[in-house]
Amino acid sequence: MKKIRVHPEIRQEIAKEFSVTRQTVDMSLKCVFNSDKAKSIRKRAKELLIKESEKIEY
């Protein structure tokens, strides 16, 4: 099953940014929804995960 796993704080941030509920974000990240907004939510989640990963020092 395809899904994007993100921390609850990031989910909340995305919900606020897109003016949607956490449930909408969750369903979008689990690829249950496939609307343009859901695709934008997944794209934003990926951007935030990349940003978060750049904070990791080796």
Protein backbone atom coordinates (compact mmCIF):
# COMPACT_ATOMS: atom_id res chain seq x y z
CA MET A 1 0.00 0.00 0.00
CA LYS A 2 1.34 3.42 -0.93
CA LYS A 3 1.43 6.03 1.79
CA ILE A 4 3.58 8.86 3.02
CA ARG A 5 4.45 8.75 6.72
CA VAL A 6 4.93 12.09 8.42
CA HIS A 7 5.01 13.27 12.00
CA PRO A 8 1.66 14.49 13.40
CA GLU A 9 3.05 18.02 13.75
CA ILE A 10 3.76 18.11 10.01
CA ARG A 11 0.27 16.75 9.28
CA GLN A 12 -1.22 19.53 11.38
CA GLU A 13 0.91 22.12 9.58
CA ILE A 14 -0.27 20.82 6.20
CA ALA A 15 -3.91 20.83 7.32
CA LYS A 16 -3.59 24.45 8.40
CA GLU A 17 -1.76 25.43 5.22
CA PHE A 18 -4.42 23.90 2.94
CA SER A 19 -7.40 24.79 5.18
CA VAL A 20 -8.51 21.16 5.43
CA THR A 21 -9.06 18.69 8.27
CA ARG A 22 -6.42 16.30 9.58
CA GLN A 23 -8.56 13.48 8.23
CA THR A 24 -8.31 14.92 4.72
CA VAL A 25 -4.54 15.10 5.08
CA ASP A 26 -4.39 11.52 6.39
CA MET A 27 -6.55 10.18 3.56
CA SER A 28 -4.50 12.12 1.00
CA LEU A 29 -1.23 10.77 2.39
CA LYS A 30 -2.64 7.23 2.25
CA CYS A 31 -3.56 7.81 -1.42
CA VAL A 32 -7.25 7.22 -0.72
CA PHE A 33 -8.02 10.64 -2.21
CA ASN A 34 -6.58 11.49 -5.60
CA SER A 35 -7.92 14.99 -6.26
CA ASP A 36 -5.72 17.89 -7.28
CA LYS A 37 -5.71 19.07 -3.66
CA ALA A 38 -4.68 15.59 -2.46
CA LYS A 39 -1.83 15.58 -4.96
CA SER A 40 -0.76 19.02 -3.71
CA ILE A 41 -0.88 17.76 -0.12
CA ARG A 42 1.37 14.81 -1.01
CA LYS A 43 3.77 17.10 -2.86
CA ARG A 44 3.93 19.47 0.13
CA ALA A 45 4.49 16.56 2.53
CA LYS A 46 7.41 15.41 0.40
CA GLU A 47 8.88 18.94 0.39
CA LEU A 48 8.59 19.17 4.18
CA LEU A 49 10.17 15.73 4.65
CA ILE A 50 13.10 16.70 2.44
CA LYS A 51 13.49 19.95 4.40
CA GLU A 52 13.41 17.99 7.67
CA SER A 53 15.96 15.45 6.42
CA GLU A 54 18.40 18.23 5.54
CA LYS A 55 18.66 19.04 9.25
CA ILE A 56 20.27 15.65 9.89
CA GLU A 57 24.03 15.81 10.30
CA TYR A 58 26.12 12.75 9.52
